[in-house]
Amino acid sequence: MRNTILFNPAIASTNMGDRIIEKSVRQYLHQLFPGDFMCELPTQDPVGPKGRQLLKDAAFAFVGGTNLLSSAMNRYNQWKINVLDALTMRNVILMGVGWWQYQPPANAYTRFLLRRVLHSQMLHSVRDSYTESKLREMGIDNVLNTSCPTAWSLTPEHCATIPSHRSNEVIMTLTDYSPDTKRDRQLIDTLLAYYDVVHMWVQGTGDVRYVRELIQDPRVRLVNPSVDAFDHVLATRDVDYVGTRLHAGIRALQYQRRTLIVSVDNRATEISRDIGLNVIERADIGQVQHFAENEVTMRIVLPVDNIKRWMSQFHPDVYATDPTPQPNSLASK
């Protein structure tokens, strides 16, 4: 039995969004390699001796999602790899990985590190055009913009099932590490004006403290900090989604919920430019009122050819001609 490695950003993470990403990444990898034993290593902790041995023996090693790359990985590295890893780690394949914020070209350390660690022949999957351009800047050309694997199931057929009219309730998110009390209060007040109930999902460890600073209204109901609790609301309540958390919004779309994402950094902005995700900039928070008052259709344009091309390098007899691969309903939800 072969071993396949997944560098999992949800290990040791305080952000439930990483778990949303991990669920989709894992499901697609199980589709690709149903008979492989899937071993997991953290991205947020260094790889130890046991992990290095697993990597040495693995058929493939994937790093799954989130904004792990940056232009100065000697100073800021969400993916905890270093020069020692560059000497011992080889042939890692990116799957829906993104670049952390808008940055200048990569420094010499980062170029050396990524050229050594990333597979030189297999195609890498990145989540947006900006990340693709940053890798190409440093001479890594075997890269495809596939968008994030969480979005791969958002086909036209799926989006056609999403209601265009406002629901009775809304589930929202805020971002504790990127607060803007003026605009976040405006967001809350707008939602309270248009929805009977406002559910507030706690995605990060600091969200509760921040929310309690902003909200005292009893119509705001806290949702426990787990993906299961979030999924339960999406599955059982008549809700829209409005909030600053990107992957909570994509999760809502997976559950066929009308969605508006408020961008607080480059991630939602760049994915929106590529696939048409319904995103507004935080400075335009007044557009939440337009979303609440008007019919809004969810239209996602996936890079289907790039997704199929990336998948088909592992199984050319299957994925080169099949439609965009779909996670099964239980695994995706």
Protein backbone atom coordinates (compact mmCIF):
# COMPACT_ATOMS: atom_id res chain seq x y z
CA MET A 1 0.00 0.00 0.00
CA ARG A 2 1.35 3.41 -0.98
CA ASN A 3 1.59 6.37 1.39
CA THR A 4 0.49 9.82 0.29
CA ILE A 5 1.29 12.86 2.44
CA LEU A 6 -1.03 15.78 3.11
CA PHE A 7 0.47 18.90 4.67
CA ASN A 8 -2.63 19.92 6.60
CA PRO A 9 -3.04 23.59 7.65
CA ALA A 10 -5.87 22.64 10.05
CA ILE A 11 -3.46 20.89 12.44
CA ALA A 12 -2.70 23.22 15.38
CA SER A 13 -4.87 25.91 13.79
CA THR A 14 -7.12 28.30 15.73
CA ASN A 15 -9.07 29.15 12.55
CA MET A 16 -11.99 26.93 11.59
CA GLY A 17 -11.61 28.14 8.00
CA ASP A 18 -8.58 25.88 7.72
CA ARG A 19 -10.82 22.93 8.55
CA ILE A 20 -13.23 23.91 5.78
CA ILE A 21 -10.32 23.90 3.33
CA GLU A 22 -9.00 20.60 4.67
CA LYS A 23 -12.35 18.87 4.18
CA SER A 24 -12.41 19.64 0.45
CA VAL A 25 -8.72 18.95 -0.10
CA ARG A 26 -8.94 15.60 1.65
CA GLN A 27 -11.99 14.52 -0.34
CA TYR A 28 -10.40 15.26 -3.71
CA LEU A 29 -7.19 13.49 -2.71
CA HIS A 30 -9.24 10.44 -1.69
CA GLN A 31 -10.84 10.55 -5.14
CA LEU A 32 -7.43 10.64 -6.77
CA PHE A 33 -5.81 8.00 -4.56
CA PRO A 34 -8.57 5.84 -3.05
CA GLY A 35 -6.20 2.99 -2.21
CA ASP A 36 -3.43 5.07 -0.64
CA PHE A 37 -2.83 5.48 3.06
CA MET A 38 -3.17 9.23 3.74
CA CYS A 39 -0.61 10.49 6.25
CA GLU A 40 -0.85 14.03 7.60
CA LEU A 41 1.84 16.51 8.55
CA PRO A 42 1.33 20.03 9.92
CA THR A 43 2.08 23.21 8.05
CA GLN A 44 1.95 25.27 11.24
CA ASP A 45 4.63 23.25 13.06
CA PRO A 46 8.05 22.14 11.77
CA VAL A 47 8.44 18.66 10.31
CA GLY A 48 10.23 16.31 12.70
CA PRO A 49 12.31 13.15 12.11
CA LYS A 50 9.25 10.90 11.76
CA GLY A 51 7.70 13.29 9.25
CA ARG A 52 10.91 13.39 7.21
CA GLN A 53 10.88 9.60 7.02
CA LEU A 54 7.25 9.59 5.90
CA LEU A 55 8.09 12.13 3.20
CA LYS A 56 11.02 10.04 2.02
CA ASP A 57 8.80 6.98 1.56
CA ALA A 58 5.70 8.72 0.16
CA ALA A 59 4.45 8.38 -3.40
CA PHE A 60 3.20 11.99 -3.38
CA ALA A 61 3.22 14.90 -0.94
CA PHE A 62 0.61 17.67 -1.19
CA VAL A 63 0.26 20.92 0.67
CA GLY A 64 -3.43 21.74 0.83
CA GLY A 65 -4.76 25.23 0.60
CA THR A 66 -4.67 28.52 2.54
CA ASN A 67 -2.24 31.42 2.18
CA LEU A 68 0.99 29.61 3.07
CA LEU A 69 3.38 31.38 0.70
CA SER A 70 4.99 34.77 1.19
CA SER A 71 7.77 36.83 -0.36
CA ALA A 72 10.04 36.64 2.72
CA MET A 73 9.60 33.19 4.23
CA ASN A 74 12.64 33.76 6.44
CA ARG A 75 10.60 36.45 8.23
CA TYR A 76 6.98 35.30 7.83
CA ASN A 77 6.14 31.69 7.08
CA GLN A 78 2.76 30.17 7.80
CA TRP A 79 4.24 27.02 6.25
CA LYS A 80 6.97 26.20 8.78
CA ILE A 81 9.70 25.00 6.46
CA ASN A 82 13.32 26.15 6.50
CA VAL A 83 16.73 25.60 4.94
CA LEU A 84 17.06 22.15 6.52
CA ASP A 85 13.80 21.15 4.84
CA ALA A 86 15.16 22.50 1.55
CA LEU A 87 18.04 20.07 1.88
CA THR A 88 15.92 17.03 2.75
CA MET A 89 12.40 17.64 1.40
CA ARG A 90 11.64 17.20 -2.29
CA ASN A 91 8.78 17.11 -4.74
CA VAL A 92 5.97 18.66 -2.72
CA ILE A 93 2.91 19.53 -4.87
CA LEU A 94 0.72 22.56 -4.20
CA MET A 95 -3.05 22.14 -4.08
CA GLY A 96 -5.02 25.38 -3.93
CA VAL A 97 -2.31 27.29 -2.09
CA GLY A 98 -2.31 31.09 -1.95
CA TRP A 99 0.02 34.01 -1.32
CA TRP A 100 -0.10 35.94 1.94
CA GLN A 101 -1.13 39.53 1.20
CA TYR A 102 0.12 41.80 -1.60
CA GLN A 103 3.91 41.82 -1.51
CA PRO A 104 7.06 42.72 -3.47
CA PRO A 105 8.92 40.00 -5.41
CA ALA A 106 10.19 37.05 -3.41
CA ASN A 107 13.59 37.43 -1.79
CA ALA A 108 16.55 35.13 -2.47
CA TYR A 109 15.83 32.94 0.56
CA THR A 110 12.24 32.29 -0.53
CA ARG A 111 13.25 31.59 -4.13
CA PHE A 112 15.85 29.06 -2.96
CA LEU A 113 13.46 27.42 -0.50
CA LEU A 114 10.50 26.98 -2.85
CA ARG A 115 12.57 25.94 -5.86
CA ARG A 116 14.13 23.19 -3.76
CA VAL A 117 11.02 21.97 -1.96
CA LEU A 118 8.39 22.14 -4.71
CA HIS A 119 8.17 19.49 -7.43
CA SER A 120 9.97 20.67 -10.55
CA GLN A 121 7.88 18.67 -13.05
CA MET A 122 4.37 18.09 -11.69
CA LEU A 123 1.82 20.88 -12.09
CA HIS A 124 1.05 22.92 -8.98
CA SER A 125 -2.48 24.12 -8.17
CA VAL A 126 -2.86 27.64 -6.76
CA ARG A 127 -5.99 29.46 -5.67
CA ASP A 128 -5.74 32.70 -7.70
CA SER A 129 -3.98 34.53 -10.51
CA TYR A 130 -1.96 36.64 -8.08
CA THR A 131 -0.35 33.56 -6.52
CA GLU A 132 0.32 32.15 -9.98
CA SER A 133 2.09 35.37 -10.98
CA LYS A 134 4.21 35.39 -7.80
CA LEU A 135 5.46 31.87 -8.49
CA ARG A 136 6.14 32.61 -12.13
CA GLU A 137 8.13 35.69 -11.08
CA MET A 138 10.61 33.35 -9.39
CA GLY A 139 10.80 30.98 -12.35
CA ILE A 140 8.31 28.34 -11.17
CA ASP A 141 6.27 27.97 -14.35
CA ASN A 142 4.67 24.55 -13.77
CA VAL A 143 1.70 26.16 -12.06
CA LEU A 144 -2.05 26.41 -12.79
CA ASN A 145 -4.67 28.70 -11.32
CA THR A 146 -7.39 26.23 -10.30
CA SER A 147 -9.02 28.42 -7.64
CA CYS A 148 -9.46 26.92 -4.17
CA PRO A 149 -10.60 23.27 -3.96
CA THR A 150 -13.45 24.44 -1.71
CA ALA A 151 -14.92 26.13 -4.80
CA TRP A 152 -14.53 23.23 -7.24
CA SER A 153 -18.05 21.94 -6.59
CA LEU A 154 -19.65 25.34 -7.34
CA THR A 155 -20.62 24.43 -10.89
CA PRO A 156 -23.30 26.31 -12.86
CA GLU A 157 -25.72 23.48 -12.07
CA HIS A 158 -25.01 23.84 -8.36
CA CYS A 159 -25.25 27.63 -8.37
CA ALA A 160 -28.59 27.45 -10.19
CA THR A 161 -30.07 25.85 -7.05
CA ILE A 162 -29.09 28.80 -4.81
CA PRO A 163 -32.00 31.15 -4.02
CA SER A 164 -31.74 34.69 -5.37
CA HIS A 165 -34.11 36.30 -2.83
CA ARG A 166 -33.35 37.19 0.77
CA SER A 167 -33.93 34.57 3.44
CA ASN A 168 -35.58 35.22 6.80
CA GLU A 169 -32.36 34.72 8.77
CA VAL A 170 -28.68 35.35 8.18
CA ILE A 171 -25.48 33.79 9.49
CA MET A 172 -22.58 36.19 9.71
CA THR A 173 -18.88 36.18 10.58
CA LEU A 174 -16.36 38.78 11.69
CA THR A 175 -12.57 38.61 11.75
CA ASP A 176 -10.95 39.18 15.13
CA TYR A 177 -7.44 39.76 13.74
CA SER A 178 -8.66 42.38 11.25
CA PRO A 179 -11.10 44.55 13.23
CA ASP A 180 -12.81 47.66 11.92
CA THR A 181 -15.30 48.64 14.61
CA LYS A 182 -17.03 51.33 12.56
CA ARG A 183 -17.71 49.18 9.49
CA ASP A 184 -18.31 46.00 11.48
CA ARG A 185 -20.97 47.77 13.54
CA GLN A 186 -22.50 49.05 10.32
CA LEU A 187 -22.57 45.48 9.01
CA ILE A 188 -24.29 44.22 12.16
CA ASP A 189 -26.82 47.07 12.21
CA THR A 190 -27.70 46.49 8.55
CA LEU A 191 -28.26 42.78 9.09
CA LEU A 192 -30.41 43.41 12.17
CA ALA A 193 -32.53 45.81 10.11
CA TYR A 194 -33.29 43.24 7.39
CA TYR A 195 -33.27 39.81 9.06
CA ASP A 196 -35.44 38.36 11.82
CA VAL A 197 -32.49 36.53 13.39
CA VAL A 198 -28.74 37.06 13.01
CA HIS A 199 -26.57 34.01 13.73
CA MET A 200 -22.92 34.77 14.46
CA TRP A 201 -20.49 31.91 13.78
CA VAL A 202 -17.32 31.90 15.84
CA GLN A 203 -14.59 30.93 13.35
CA GLY A 204 -11.50 32.13 15.24
CA THR A 205 -10.45 32.09 18.89
CA GLY A 206 -10.71 35.87 19.29
CA ASP A 207 -14.09 36.28 17.60
CA VAL A 208 -16.24 35.98 20.74
CA ARG A 209 -14.40 38.73 22.58
CA TYR A 210 -14.59 41.02 19.55
CA VAL A 211 -18.26 40.29 18.90
CA ARG A 212 -19.20 40.98 22.52
CA GLU A 213 -17.53 44.37 22.25
CA LEU A 214 -19.80 45.21 19.31
CA ILE A 215 -23.09 43.41 19.94
CA GLN A 216 -25.58 43.37 22.80
CA ASP A 217 -28.74 42.74 20.79
CA PRO A 218 -30.52 39.49 21.84
CA ARG A 219 -31.43 38.78 18.21
CA VAL A 220 -27.78 37.90 17.60
CA ARG A 221 -27.22 34.22 18.38
CA LEU A 222 -23.69 32.86 18.76
CA VAL A 223 -22.96 29.62 16.88
CA ASN A 224 -20.38 27.35 18.47
CA PRO A 225 -16.81 27.31 17.09
CA SER A 226 -16.91 24.14 15.03
CA VAL A 227 -17.54 23.40 11.37
CA ASP A 228 -20.23 20.93 12.44
CA ALA A 229 -22.12 23.69 14.28
CA PHE A 230 -21.82 26.01 11.28
CA ASP A 231 -22.96 23.24 8.93
CA HIS A 232 -25.97 22.53 11.16
CA VAL A 233 -27.24 26.10 10.79
CA LEU A 234 -26.62 26.04 7.04
CA ALA A 235 -28.45 22.74 6.69
CA THR A 236 -31.45 23.38 8.94
CA ARG A 237 -32.23 27.12 8.88
CA ASP A 238 -33.50 29.47 6.19
CA VAL A 239 -30.35 31.60 6.10
CA ASP A 240 -28.22 33.84 3.93
CA TYR A 241 -24.52 34.24 4.63
CA VAL A 242 -22.87 37.66 5.02
CA GLY A 243 -19.45 38.08 6.58
CA THR A 244 -15.75 38.75 6.45
CA ARG A 245 -14.63 35.12 6.50
CA LEU A 246 -13.91 33.86 2.98
CA HIS A 247 -14.17 30.12 3.47
CA ALA A 248 -17.25 30.38 5.66
CA GLY A 249 -18.83 32.06 2.63
CA ILE A 250 -17.68 29.32 0.28
CA ARG A 251 -18.98 26.73 2.72
CA ALA A 252 -22.36 28.48 2.66
CA LEU A 253 -22.34 28.28 -1.14
CA GLN A 254 -21.62 24.55 -0.88
CA TYR A 255 -24.84 24.37 1.14
CA GLN A 256 -26.71 26.33 -1.55
CA ARG A 257 -27.00 29.49 0.53
CA ARG A 258 -27.20 33.00 -0.88
CA THR A 259 -23.85 34.58 0.01
CA LEU A 260 -22.03 37.91 0.27
CA ILE A 261 -18.40 38.01 1.39
CA VAL A 262 -16.83 41.20 2.74
CA SER A 263 -13.16 41.26 1.77
CA VAL A 264 -10.61 42.15 4.46
CA ASP A 265 -7.49 41.07 2.54
CA ASN A 266 -6.26 39.85 -0.83
CA ARG A 267 -7.75 36.35 -0.64
CA ALA A 268 -11.42 37.06 -1.31
CA THR A 269 -10.58 39.93 -3.65
CA GLU A 270 -8.35 37.81 -5.89
CA ILE A 271 -10.62 34.77 -5.97
CA SER A 272 -13.54 37.03 -6.81
CA ARG A 273 -11.65 38.53 -9.76
CA ASP A 274 -10.95 35.06 -11.09
CA ILE A 275 -14.24 33.20 -10.62
CA GLY A 276 -16.89 35.83 -9.87
CA LEU A 277 -17.40 35.09 -6.19
CA ASN A 278 -19.88 37.58 -4.71
CA VAL A 279 -17.45 39.84 -2.82
CA ILE A 280 -17.47 43.48 -1.77
CA GLU A 281 -14.61 45.51 -0.39
CA ARG A 282 -14.89 46.53 3.23
CA ALA A 283 -14.89 50.21 2.24
CA ASP A 284 -18.12 49.49 0.34
CA ILE A 285 -19.96 48.02 3.34
CA GLY A 286 -23.07 49.97 2.31
CA GLN A 287 -23.57 47.40 -0.45
CA VAL A 288 -24.81 44.95 2.18
CA GLN A 289 -28.08 46.89 2.07
CA HIS A 290 -28.28 46.32 -1.70
CA PHE A 291 -27.71 42.59 -1.14
CA ALA A 292 -30.50 42.50 1.43
CA GLU A 293 -33.01 44.48 -0.65
CA ASN A 294 -32.46 43.01 -4.11
CA GLU A 295 -32.51 39.77 -6.01
CA VAL A 296 -28.94 38.47 -6.30
CA THR A 297 -27.89 35.50 -8.44
CA MET A 298 -24.81 33.47 -7.57
CA ARG A 299 -22.70 33.02 -10.72
CA ILE A 300 -19.36 31.25 -10.40
CA VAL A 301 -17.08 30.67 -13.41
CA LEU A 302 -14.64 27.92 -12.50
CA PRO A 303 -11.32 27.33 -14.31
CA VAL A 304 -12.59 23.89 -15.29
CA ASP A 305 -9.86 23.17 -17.85
CA ASN A 306 -7.12 23.94 -15.33
CA ILE A 307 -8.78 21.80 -12.65
CA LYS A 308 -9.08 18.87 -15.06
CA ARG A 309 -5.52 19.35 -16.26
CA TRP A 310 -4.18 19.31 -12.71
CA MET A 311 -6.22 16.21 -11.81
CA SER A 312 -5.41 14.41 -15.05
CA GLN A 313 -1.66 14.42 -14.42
CA PHE A 314 -2.36 11.71 -11.82
CA HIS A 315 -5.07 9.83 -13.77
CA PRO A 316 -5.05 10.91 -17.44
CA ASP A 317 -7.45 8.12 -18.41
CA VAL A 318 -10.14 9.49 -16.06
CA TYR A 319 -9.89 13.21 -15.45
CA ALA A 320 -8.75 14.47 -18.84
CA THR A 321 -12.24 13.98 -20.26
CA ASP A 322 -14.59 13.88 -17.24
CA PRO A 323 -16.37 16.96 -15.90
CA THR A 324 -15.04 18.81 -12.89
CA PRO A 325 -14.60 16.17 -10.17
CA GLN A 326 -17.15 16.41 -7.37
CA PRO A 327 -16.89 15.42 -3.73
CA ASN A 328 -19.70 13.16 -2.65
CA SER A 329 -22.46 14.83 -0.64
CA LEU A 330 -21.54 13.39 2.75
CA ALA A 331 -17.87 14.23 2.45
CA SER A 332 -18.45 17.76 1.20
CA LYS A 333 -21.03 18.54 3.89
